[in-house]
């Protein structure tokens, strides 16, 4: 595998099978296990881009290959499918997890 660059591969993540109560804290970590940097990591909720700090959602880049999404106080608006998209010059991949809210 020395030829060409390696597209990103994301480790699975999950909010868990159980619904979260409103007001509770929830979060997931999107970790790119392999892939050539620079890698762009983006998040969407129900296919809409998530902007850090908006709608009570914080996105923190821990490293060039790791991004954490946190919701300090979950609301009904946060229910749905969160998607982490990792992209580099070789390609892109994504992982999703559904957040269920009581």
PDB file of N, CA and C in Angstrom:
ATOM      1  N   UNK A   1       0.731  -1.226   0.000  1.00  0.00           N
ATOM      2  CA  UNK A   1       0.000   0.000   0.000  1.00  0.00           C
ATOM      3  C   UNK A   1       0.759   1.272   0.000  1.00  0.00           C
ATOM      4  N   UNK A   2       1.950   1.373  -0.607  1.00  0.00           N
ATOM      5  CA  UNK A   2       2.668   2.649  -0.604  1.00  0.00           C
ATOM      6  C   UNK A   2       2.152   3.593  -1.682  1.00  0.00           C
ATOM      7  N   UNK A   3       1.471   3.050  -2.677  1.00  0.00           N
ATOM      8  CA  UNK A   3       1.032   3.893  -3.783  1.00  0.00           C
ATOM      9  C   UNK A   3      -0.303   4.564  -3.480  1.00  0.00           C
ATOM     10  N   UNK A   4      -0.397   5.849  -3.823  1.00  0.00           N
ATOM     11  CA  UNK A   4      -1.652   6.571  -3.633  1.00  0.00           C
ATOM     12  C   UNK A   4      -1.911   6.890  -2.181  1.00  0.00           C
ATOM     13  N   UNK A   5      -2.949   7.675  -1.942  1.00  0.00           N
ATOM     14  CA  UNK A   5      -3.268   8.041  -0.578  1.00  0.00           C
ATOM     15  C   UNK A   5      -4.448   7.227  -0.061  1.00  0.00           C
ATOM     16  N   UNK A   6      -4.579   7.195   1.240  1.00  0.00           N
ATOM     17  CA  UNK A   6      -5.556   6.337   1.911  1.00  0.00           C
ATOM     18  C   UNK A   6      -6.797   7.147   2.280  1.00  0.00           C
ATOM     19  N   UNK A   7      -7.985   6.706   1.824  1.00  0.00           N
ATOM     20  CA  UNK A   7      -9.201   7.409   2.225  1.00  0.00           C
ATOM     21  C   UNK A   7      -9.520   7.166   3.697  1.00  0.00           C
ATOM     22  N   UNK A   8     -10.317   8.045   4.308  1.00  0.00           N
ATOM     23  CA  UNK A   8     -10.590   7.909   5.740  1.00  0.00           C
ATOM     24  C   UNK A   8     -11.433   6.675   6.053  1.00  0.00           C
ATOM     25  N   UNK A   9     -11.218   6.133   7.236  1.00  0.00           N
ATOM     26  CA  UNK A   9     -12.063   5.069   7.766  1.00  0.00           C
ATOM     27  C   UNK A   9     -12.415   5.435   9.204  1.00  0.00           C
ATOM     28  N   UNK A  10     -13.731   5.487   9.507  1.00  0.00           N
ATOM     29  CA  UNK A  10     -14.199   5.981  10.802  1.00  0.00           C
ATOM     30  C   UNK A  10     -14.602   4.820  11.699  1.00  0.00           C
ATOM     31  N   UNK A  11     -14.172   4.882  12.962  1.00  0.00           N
ATOM     32  CA  UNK A  11     -14.594   3.885  13.945  1.00  0.00           C
ATOM     33  C   UNK A  11     -16.082   4.075  14.253  1.00  0.00           C
ATOM     34  N   UNK A  12     -16.831   2.977  14.457  1.00  0.00           N
ATOM     35  CA  UNK A  12     -18.245   3.114  14.790  1.00  0.00           C
ATOM     36  C   UNK A  12     -18.436   3.860  16.115  1.00  0.00           C
ATOM     37  N   UNK A  13     -19.525   4.622  16.200  1.00  0.00           N
ATOM     38  CA  UNK A  13     -19.880   5.271  17.463  1.00  0.00           C
ATOM     39  C   UNK A  13     -21.386   5.179  17.644  1.00  0.00           C
ATOM     40  N   UNK A  14     -21.838   5.337  18.880  1.00  0.00           N
ATOM     41  CA  UNK A  14     -23.264   5.208  19.154  1.00  0.00           C
ATOM     42  C   UNK A  14     -23.675   6.016  20.368  1.00  0.00           C
ATOM     43  N   UNK A  15     -24.862   6.593  20.296  1.00  0.00           N
ATOM     44  CA  UNK A  15     -25.471   7.239  21.457  1.00  0.00           C
ATOM     45  C   UNK A  15     -26.073   6.205  22.405  1.00  0.00           C
ATOM     46  N   UNK A  16     -26.109   4.942  21.979  1.00  0.00           N
ATOM     47  CA  UNK A  16     -26.717   3.892  22.790  1.00  0.00           C
ATOM     48  C   UNK A  16     -28.134   3.607  22.322  1.00  0.00           C
ATOM     49  N   UNK A  17     -28.643   2.452  22.727  1.00  0.00           N
ATOM     50  CA  UNK A  17     -29.963   2.028  22.273  1.00  0.00           C
ATOM     51  C   UNK A  17     -31.090   2.709  23.041  1.00  0.00           C
ATOM     52  N   UNK A  18     -30.805   3.134  24.272  1.00  0.00           N
ATOM     53  CA  UNK A  18     -31.859   3.688  25.112  1.00  0.00           C
ATOM     54  C   UNK A  18     -32.070   5.169  24.813  1.00  0.00           C
ATOM     55  N   UNK A  19     -33.325   5.621  24.855  1.00  0.00           N
ATOM     56  CA  UNK A  19     -33.583   7.048  24.671  1.00  0.00           C
ATOM     57  C   UNK A  19     -32.956   7.872  25.795  1.00  0.00           C
ATOM     58  N   UNK A  20     -32.607   9.114  25.464  1.00  0.00           N
ATOM     59  CA  UNK A  20     -32.055  10.058  26.432  1.00  0.00           C
ATOM     60  C   UNK A  20     -33.192  10.970  26.885  1.00  0.00           C
ATOM     61  N   UNK A  21     -33.229  11.291  28.167  1.00  0.00           N
ATOM     62  CA  UNK A  21     -34.226  12.236  28.663  1.00  0.00           C
ATOM     63  C   UNK A  21     -33.808  13.660  28.337  1.00  0.00           C
ATOM     64  N   UNK A  22     -34.797  14.525  28.102  1.00  0.00           N
ATOM     65  CA  UNK A  22     -34.465  15.928  27.847  1.00  0.00           C
ATOM     66  C   UNK A  22     -33.749  16.494  29.067  1.00  0.00           C
ATOM     67  N   UNK A  23     -32.773  17.363  28.798  1.00  0.00           N
ATOM     68  CA  UNK A  23     -31.985  17.953  29.868  1.00  0.00           C
ATOM     69  C   UNK A  23     -30.734  17.171  30.209  1.00  0.00           C
ATOM     70  N   UNK A  24     -30.673  15.921  29.738  1.00  0.00           N
ATOM     71  CA  UNK A  24     -29.482  15.113  30.008  1.00  0.00           C
ATOM     72  C   UNK A  24     -28.362  15.450  29.028  1.00  0.00           C
ATOM     73  N   UNK A  25     -27.159  14.965  29.350  1.00  0.00           N
ATOM     74  CA  UNK A  25     -25.976  15.179  28.540  1.00  0.00           C
ATOM     75  C   UNK A  25     -25.778  13.985  27.603  1.00  0.00           C
ATOM     76  N   UNK A  26     -25.413  14.254  26.356  1.00  0.00           N
ATOM     77  CA  UNK A  26     -25.161  13.173  25.403  1.00  0.00           C
ATOM     78  C   UNK A  26     -24.001  13.565  24.505  1.00  0.00           C
ATOM     79  N   UNK A  27     -23.296  12.574  24.016  1.00  0.00           N
ATOM     80  CA  UNK A  27     -22.194  12.877  23.115  1.00  0.00           C
ATOM     81  C   UNK A  27     -21.602  11.642  22.476  1.00  0.00           C
ATOM     82  N   UNK A  28     -20.894  11.872  21.388  1.00  0.00           N
ATOM     83  CA  UNK A  28     -20.197  10.788  20.686  1.00  0.00           C
ATOM     84  C   UNK A  28     -18.857  11.318  20.191  1.00  0.00           C
ATOM     85  N   UNK A  29     -17.957  10.383  19.938  1.00  0.00           N
ATOM     86  CA  UNK A  29     -16.638  10.726  19.414  1.00  0.00           C
ATOM     87  C   UNK A  29     -16.474  10.103  18.041  1.00  0.00           C
ATOM     88  N   UNK A  30     -16.102  10.930  17.077  1.00  0.00           N
ATOM     89  CA  UNK A  30     -15.836  10.455  15.720  1.00  0.00           C
ATOM     90  C   UNK A  30     -14.329  10.356  15.553  1.00  0.00           C
ATOM     91  N   UNK A  31     -13.853   9.127  15.449  1.00  0.00           N
ATOM     92  CA  UNK A  31     -12.424   8.887  15.362  1.00  0.00           C
ATOM     93  C   UNK A  31     -12.085   8.254  14.013  1.00  0.00           C
ATOM     94  N   UNK A  32     -11.233   8.932  13.256  1.00  0.00           N
ATOM     95  CA  UNK A  32     -10.766   8.393  11.980  1.00  0.00           C
ATOM     96  C   UNK A  32      -9.599   7.462  12.276  1.00  0.00           C
ATOM     97  N   UNK A  33      -9.820   6.159  12.053  1.00  0.00           N
ATOM     98  CA  UNK A  33      -8.795   5.175  12.404  1.00  0.00           C
ATOM     99  C   UNK A  33      -7.642   5.172  11.409  1.00  0.00           C
ATOM    100  N   UNK A  34      -7.976   5.362  10.142  1.00  0.00           N
ATOM    101  CA  UNK A  34      -6.911   5.448   9.153  1.00  0.00           C
ATOM    102  C   UNK A  34      -7.296   6.432   8.062  1.00  0.00           C
ATOM    103  N   UNK A  35      -6.292   6.920   7.385  1.00  0.00           N
ATOM    104  CA  UNK A  35      -6.502   7.916   6.350  1.00  0.00           C
ATOM    105  C   UNK A  35      -5.413   8.956   6.416  1.00  0.00           C
ATOM    106  N   UNK A  36      -5.061   9.481   5.247  1.00  0.00           N
ATOM    107  CA  UNK A  36      -3.994  10.468   5.166  1.00  0.00           C
ATOM    108  C   UNK A  36      -4.514  11.857   5.537  1.00  0.00           C
ATOM    109  N   UNK A  37      -3.760  12.550   6.390  1.00  0.00           N
ATOM    110  CA  UNK A  37      -4.089  13.940   6.702  1.00  0.00           C
ATOM    111  C   UNK A  37      -3.595  14.835   5.565  1.00  0.00           C
ATOM    112  N   UNK A  38      -4.185  16.006   5.339  1.00  0.00           N
ATOM    113  CA  UNK A  38      -5.255  16.612   6.138  1.00  0.00           C
ATOM    114  C   UNK A  38      -6.621  15.953   5.907  1.00  0.00           C
ATOM    115  N   UNK A  39      -7.367  15.801   6.998  1.00  0.00           N
ATOM    116  CA  UNK A  39      -8.712  15.239   6.950  1.00  0.00           C
ATOM    117  C   UNK A  39      -9.685  16.292   7.480  1.00  0.00           C
ATOM    118  N   UNK A  40     -10.750  16.511   6.731  1.00  0.00           N
ATOM    119  CA  UNK A  40     -11.818  17.409   7.169  1.00  0.00           C
ATOM    120  C   UNK A  40     -12.915  16.569   7.801  1.00  0.00           C
ATOM    121  N   UNK A  41     -13.318  16.925   9.036  1.00  0.00           N
ATOM    122  CA  UNK A  41     -14.379  16.199   9.725  1.00  0.00           C
ATOM    123  C   UNK A  41     -15.576  17.128   9.889  1.00  0.00           C
ATOM    124  N   UNK A  42     -16.727  16.671   9.382  1.00  0.00           N
ATOM    125  CA  UNK A  42     -17.943  17.475   9.460  1.00  0.00           C
ATOM    126  C   UNK A  42     -19.055  16.640  10.091  1.00  0.00           C
ATOM    127  N   UNK A  43     -20.012  17.322  10.712  1.00  0.00           N
ATOM    128  CA  UNK A  43     -21.158  16.663  11.331  1.00  0.00           C
ATOM    129  C   UNK A  43     -22.454  17.174  10.714  1.00  0.00           C
ATOM    130  N   UNK A  44     -23.435  16.277  10.582  1.00  0.00           N
ATOM    131  CA  UNK A  44     -24.779  16.702  10.202  1.00  0.00           C
ATOM    132  C   UNK A  44     -25.795  16.059  11.144  1.00  0.00           C
ATOM    133  N   UNK A  45     -26.938  16.709  11.287  1.00  0.00           N
ATOM    134  CA  UNK A  45     -28.083  16.153  12.012  1.00  0.00           C
ATOM    135  C   UNK A  45     -29.258  16.139  11.049  1.00  0.00           C
ATOM    136  N   UNK A  46     -29.756  14.939  10.769  1.00  0.00           N
ATOM    137  CA  UNK A  46     -30.837  14.771   9.790  1.00  0.00           C
ATOM    138  C   UNK A  46     -30.492  15.483   8.476  1.00  0.00           C
ATOM    139  N   UNK A  47     -29.238  15.291   8.043  1.00  0.00           N
ATOM    140  CA  UNK A  47     -28.696  15.810   6.775  1.00  0.00           C
ATOM    141  C   UNK A  47     -28.435  17.312   6.760  1.00  0.00           C
ATOM    142  N   UNK A  48     -28.677  18.011   7.873  1.00  0.00           N
ATOM    143  CA  UNK A  48     -28.367  19.437   7.935  1.00  0.00           C
ATOM    144  C   UNK A  48     -27.016  19.629   8.626  1.00  0.00           C
ATOM    145  N   UNK A  49     -26.151  20.495   8.060  1.00  0.00           N
ATOM    146  CA  UNK A  49     -24.853  20.718   8.697  1.00  0.00           C
ATOM    147  C   UNK A  49     -25.016  21.250  10.123  1.00  0.00           C
ATOM    148  N   UNK A  50     -24.181  20.750  11.035  1.00  0.00           N
ATOM    149  CA  UNK A  50     -24.172  21.235  12.412  1.00  0.00           C
ATOM    150  C   UNK A  50     -23.049  22.252  12.542  1.00  0.00           C
ATOM    151  N   UNK A  51     -23.391  23.419  13.097  1.00  0.00           N
ATOM    152  CA  UNK A  51     -22.388  24.456  13.328  1.00  0.00           C
ATOM    153  C   UNK A  51     -22.088  24.504  14.815  1.00  0.00           C
ATOM    154  N   UNK A  52     -20.803  24.488  15.142  1.00  0.00           N
ATOM    155  CA  UNK A  52     -20.374  24.477  16.540  1.00  0.00           C
ATOM    156  C   UNK A  52     -21.002  25.627  17.312  1.00  0.00           C
ATOM    157  N   UNK A  53     -21.607  25.308  18.457  1.00  0.00           N
ATOM    158  CA  UNK A  53     -22.190  26.324  19.316  1.00  0.00           C
ATOM    159  C   UNK A  53     -23.640  26.639  19.022  1.00  0.00           C
ATOM    160  N   UNK A  54     -24.155  26.165  17.885  1.00  0.00           N
ATOM    161  CA  UNK A  54     -25.551  26.433  17.550  1.00  0.00           C
ATOM    162  C   UNK A  54     -26.451  25.306  18.033  1.00  0.00           C
ATOM    163  N   UNK A  55     -27.658  25.666  18.429  1.00  0.00           N
ATOM    164  CA  UNK A  55     -28.667  24.705  18.880  1.00  0.00           C
ATOM    165  C   UNK A  55     -28.172  23.843  20.040  1.00  0.00           C
ATOM    166  N   UNK A  56     -27.292  24.426  20.868  1.00  0.00           N
ATOM    167  CA  UNK A  56     -26.842  23.712  22.057  1.00  0.00           C
ATOM    168  C   UNK A  56     -25.870  22.577  21.794  1.00  0.00           C
ATOM    169  N   UNK A  57     -25.302  22.536  20.584  1.00  0.00           N
ATOM    170  CA  UNK A  57     -24.378  21.460  20.223  1.00  0.00           C
ATOM    171  C   UNK A  57     -22.950  22.008  20.143  1.00  0.00           C
ATOM    172  N   UNK A  58     -22.030  21.340  20.841  1.00  0.00           N
ATOM    173  CA  UNK A  58     -20.628  21.720  20.816  1.00  0.00           C
ATOM    174  C   UNK A  58     -19.832  20.676  20.039  1.00  0.00           C
ATOM    175  N   UNK A  59     -18.987  21.139  19.130  1.00  0.00           N
ATOM    176  CA  UNK A  59     -18.101  20.245  18.380  1.00  0.00           C
ATOM    177  C   UNK A  59     -16.670  20.644  18.713  1.00  0.00           C
ATOM    178  N   UNK A  60     -15.886  19.669  19.117  1.00  0.00           N
ATOM    179  CA  UNK A  60     -14.514  19.931  19.533  1.00  0.00           C
ATOM    180  C   UNK A  60     -13.576  19.010  18.770  1.00  0.00           C
ATOM    181  N   UNK A  61     -12.576  19.598  18.126  1.00  0.00           N
ATOM    182  CA  UNK A  61     -11.572  18.800  17.421  1.00  0.00           C
ATOM    183  C   UNK A  61     -10.448  18.476  18.390  1.00  0.00           C
ATOM    184  N   UNK A  62     -10.320  17.203  18.744  1.00  0.00           N
ATOM    185  CA  UNK A  62      -9.305  16.794  19.711  1.00  0.00           C
ATOM    186  C   UNK A  62      -7.954  16.591  19.057  1.00  0.00           C
ATOM    187  N   UNK A  63      -7.972  16.162  17.805  1.00  0.00           N
ATOM    188  CA  UNK A  63      -6.737  15.902  17.079  1.00  0.00           C
ATOM    189  C   UNK A  63      -7.054  15.990  15.594  1.00  0.00           C
ATOM    190  N   UNK A  64      -6.041  15.908  14.720  1.00  0.00           N
ATOM    191  CA  UNK A  64      -6.336  15.955  13.280  1.00  0.00           C
ATOM    192  C   UNK A  64      -7.288  14.855  12.814  1.00  0.00           C
ATOM    193  N   UNK A  65      -7.449  13.783  13.615  1.00  0.00           N
ATOM    194  CA  UNK A  65      -8.290  12.675  13.195  1.00  0.00           C
ATOM    195  C   UNK A  65      -9.445  12.381  14.152  1.00  0.00           C
ATOM    196  N   UNK A  66      -9.667  13.255  15.131  1.00  0.00           N
ATOM    197  CA  UNK A  66     -10.719  12.989  16.105  1.00  0.00           C
ATOM    198  C   UNK A  66     -11.552  14.231  16.373  1.00  0.00           C
ATOM    199  N   UNK A  67     -12.879  14.074  16.291  1.00  0.00           N
ATOM    200  CA  UNK A  67     -13.799  15.154  16.588  1.00  0.00           C
ATOM    201  C   UNK A  67     -14.854  14.646  17.562  1.00  0.00           C
ATOM    202  N   UNK A  68     -15.151  15.455  18.580  1.00  0.00           N
ATOM    203  CA  UNK A  68     -16.146  15.080  19.580  1.00  0.00           C
ATOM    204  C   UNK A  68     -17.361  15.984  19.442  1.00  0.00           C
ATOM    205  N   UNK A  69     -18.546  15.376  19.490  1.00  0.00           N
ATOM    206  CA  UNK A  69     -19.786  16.131  19.484  1.00  0.00           C
ATOM    207  C   UNK A  69     -20.462  15.953  20.832  1.00  0.00           C
ATOM    208  N   UNK A  70     -20.870  17.077  21.446  1.00  0.00           N
ATOM    209  CA  UNK A  70     -21.506  17.011  22.755  1.00  0.00           C
ATOM    210  C   UNK A  70     -22.742  17.893  22.793  1.00  0.00           C
ATOM    211  N   UNK A  71     -23.788  17.375  23.431  1.00  0.00           N
ATOM    212  CA  UNK A  71     -25.014  18.129  23.675  1.00  0.00           C
ATOM    213  C   UNK A  71     -25.188  18.188  25.186  1.00  0.00           C
ATOM    214  N   UNK A  72     -24.969  19.364  25.767  1.00  0.00           N
ATOM    215  CA  UNK A  72     -24.969  19.487  27.229  1.00  0.00           C
ATOM    216  C   UNK A  72     -26.355  19.213  27.809  1.00  0.00           C
ATOM    217  N   UNK A  73     -27.383  19.710  27.132  1.00  0.00           N
ATOM    218  CA  UNK A  73     -28.760  19.507  27.595  1.00  0.00           C
ATOM    219  C   UNK A  73     -29.629  19.135  26.397  1.00  0.00           C
ATOM    220  N   UNK A  74     -29.921  17.846  26.284  1.00  0.00           N
ATOM    221  CA  UNK A  74     -30.647  17.330  25.122  1.00  0.00           C
ATOM    222  C   UNK A  74     -32.074  17.879  25.091  1.00  0.00           C
ATOM    223  N   UNK A  75     -32.516  18.266  23.889  1.00  0.00           N
ATOM    224  CA  UNK A  75     -33.880  18.715  23.661  1.00  0.00           C
ATOM    225  C   UNK A  75     -34.518  17.845  22.588  1.00  0.00           C
ATOM    226  N   UNK A  76     -35.838  17.994  22.429  1.00  0.00           N
ATOM    227  CA  UNK A  76     -36.555  17.210  21.408  1.00  0.00           C
ATOM    228  C   UNK A  76     -35.983  17.464  20.007  1.00  0.00           C
ATOM    229  N   UNK A  77     -35.523  18.700  19.784  1.00  0.00           N
ATOM    230  CA  UNK A  77     -34.983  19.064  18.464  1.00  0.00           C
ATOM    231  C   UNK A  77     -33.751  18.255  18.090  1.00  0.00           C
ATOM    232  N   UNK A  78     -33.114  17.656  19.078  1.00  0.00           N
ATOM    233  CA  UNK A  78     -31.871  16.930  18.822  1.00  0.00           C
ATOM    234  C   UNK A  78     -32.108  15.488  18.389  1.00  0.00           C
ATOM    235  N   UNK A  79     -33.346  15.037  18.400  1.00  0.00           N
ATOM    236  CA  UNK A  79     -33.580  13.647  18.016  1.00  0.00           C
ATOM    237  C   UNK A  79     -33.322  13.473  16.529  1.00  0.00           C
ATOM    238  N   UNK A  80     -32.815  12.292  16.178  1.00  0.00           N
ATOM    239  CA  UNK A  80     -32.573  12.021  14.765  1.00  0.00           C
ATOM    240  C   UNK A  80     -31.205  11.410  14.529  1.00  0.00           C
ATOM    241  N   UNK A  81     -30.791  11.455  13.275  1.00  0.00           N
ATOM    242  CA  UNK A  81     -29.571  10.775  12.856  1.00  0.00           C
ATOM    243  C   UNK A  81     -28.415  11.765  12.763  1.00  0.00           C
ATOM    244  N   UNK A  82     -27.414  11.532  13.605  1.00  0.00           N
ATOM    245  CA  UNK A  82     -26.185  12.310  13.555  1.00  0.00           C
ATOM    246  C   UNK A  82     -25.201  11.579  12.648  1.00  0.00           C
ATOM    247  N   UNK A  83     -24.572  12.339  11.777  1.00  0.00           N
ATOM    248  CA  UNK A  83     -23.610  11.750  10.834  1.00  0.00           C
ATOM    249  C   UNK A  83     -22.293  12.482  10.950  1.00  0.00           C
ATOM    250  N   UNK A  84     -21.218  11.703  11.049  1.00  0.00           N
ATOM    251  CA  UNK A  84     -19.878  12.265  10.989  1.00  0.00           C
ATOM    252  C   UNK A  84     -19.277  11.913   9.632  1.00  0.00           C
ATOM    253  N   UNK A  85     -18.824  12.933   8.920  1.00  0.00           N
ATOM    254  CA  UNK A  85     -18.248  12.747   7.585  1.00  0.00           C
ATOM    255  C   UNK A  85     -16.774  13.134   7.635  1.00  0.00           C
ATOM    256  N   UNK A  86     -15.932  12.212   7.213  1.00  0.00           N
ATOM    257  CA  UNK A  86     -14.497  12.485   7.153  1.00  0.00           C
ATOM    258  C   UNK A  86     -14.062  12.468   5.694  1.00  0.00           C
ATOM    259  N   UNK A  87     -13.273  13.454   5.312  1.00  0.00           N
ATOM    260  CA  UNK A  87     -12.915  13.622   3.911  1.00  0.00           C
ATOM    261  C   UNK A  87     -11.452  14.000   3.778  1.00  0.00           C
ATOM    262  N   UNK A  88     -10.784  13.357   2.822  1.00  0.00           N
ATOM    263  CA  UNK A  88      -9.452  13.814   2.435  1.00  0.00           C
ATOM    264  C   UNK A  88      -9.329  13.716   0.926  1.00  0.00           C
ATOM    265  N   UNK A  89      -8.120  13.930   0.407  1.00  0.00           N
ATOM    266  CA  UNK A  89      -8.003  13.985  -1.055  1.00  0.00           C
ATOM    267  C   UNK A  89      -8.231  12.626  -1.710  1.00  0.00           C
ATOM    268  N   UNK A  90      -8.161  11.564  -0.918  1.00  0.00           N
ATOM    269  CA  UNK A  90      -8.353  10.223  -1.483  1.00  0.00           C
ATOM    270  C   UNK A  90      -9.826   9.797  -1.508  1.00  0.00           C
ATOM    271  N   UNK A  91     -10.662  10.460  -0.714  1.00  0.00           N
ATOM    272  CA  UNK A  91     -12.070  10.074  -0.682  1.00  0.00           C
ATOM    273  C   UNK A  91     -12.730  10.504   0.614  1.00  0.00           C
ATOM    274  N   UNK A  92     -13.925   9.964   0.836  1.00  0.00           N
ATOM    275  CA  UNK A  92     -14.629  10.309   2.067  1.00  0.00           C
ATOM    276  C   UNK A  92     -15.406   9.100   2.570  1.00  0.00           C
ATOM    277  N   UNK A  93     -15.738   9.131   3.861  1.00  0.00           N
ATOM    278  CA  UNK A  93     -16.590   8.100   4.433  1.00  0.00           C
ATOM    279  C   UNK A  93     -17.389   8.717   5.562  1.00  0.00           C
ATOM    280  N   UNK A  94     -18.423   8.019   6.014  1.00  0.00           N
ATOM    281  CA  UNK A  94     -19.224   8.551   7.105  1.00  0.00           C
ATOM    282  C   UNK A  94     -19.694   7.438   8.015  1.00  0.00           C
ATOM    283  N   UNK A  95     -20.037   7.818   9.221  1.00  0.00           N
ATOM    284  CA  UNK A  95     -20.645   6.916  10.198  1.00  0.00           C
ATOM    285  C   UNK A  95     -21.824   7.647  10.805  1.00  0.00           C
ATOM    286  N   UNK A  96     -22.901   6.925  11.114  1.00  0.00           N
ATOM    287  CA  UNK A  96     -24.075   7.562  11.673  1.00  0.00           C
ATOM    288  C   UNK A  96     -24.485   6.884  12.975  1.00  0.00           C
ATOM    289  N   UNK A  97     -25.210   7.616  13.818  1.00  0.00           N
ATOM    290  CA  UNK A  97     -25.851   7.066  14.993  1.00  0.00           C
ATOM    291  C   UNK A  97     -27.125   7.844  15.258  1.00  0.00           C
ATOM    292  N   UNK A  98     -28.171   7.131  15.650  1.00  0.00           N
ATOM    293  CA  UNK A  98     -29.431   7.789  15.943  1.00  0.00           C
ATOM    294  C   UNK A  98     -29.514   8.137  17.425  1.00  0.00           C
ATOM    295  N   UNK A  99     -29.906   9.386  17.689  1.00  0.00           N
ATOM    296  CA  UNK A  99     -30.170   9.813  19.058  1.00  0.00           C
ATOM    297  C   UNK A  99     -31.673   9.780  19.290  1.00  0.00           C
ATOM    298  N   UNK A 100     -32.086   8.954  20.242  1.00  0.00           N
ATOM    299  CA  UNK A 100     -33.501   8.881  20.589  1.00  0.00           C
ATOM    300  C   UNK A 100     -33.719   9.714  21.849  1.00  0.00           C
ATOM    301  N   UNK A 101     -34.787  10.509  21.849  1.00  0.00           N
ATOM    302  CA  UNK A 101     -35.066  11.415  22.961  1.00  0.00           C
ATOM    303  C   UNK A 101     -36.434  11.108  23.541  1.00  0.00           C
ATOM    304  N   UNK A 102     -36.495  11.021  24.851  1.00  0.00           N
ATOM    305  CA  UNK A 102     -37.774  10.803  25.534  1.00  0.00           C
ATOM    306  C   UNK A 102     -38.607  12.073  25.545  1.00  0.00           C
TER     307      UNK A 102
END
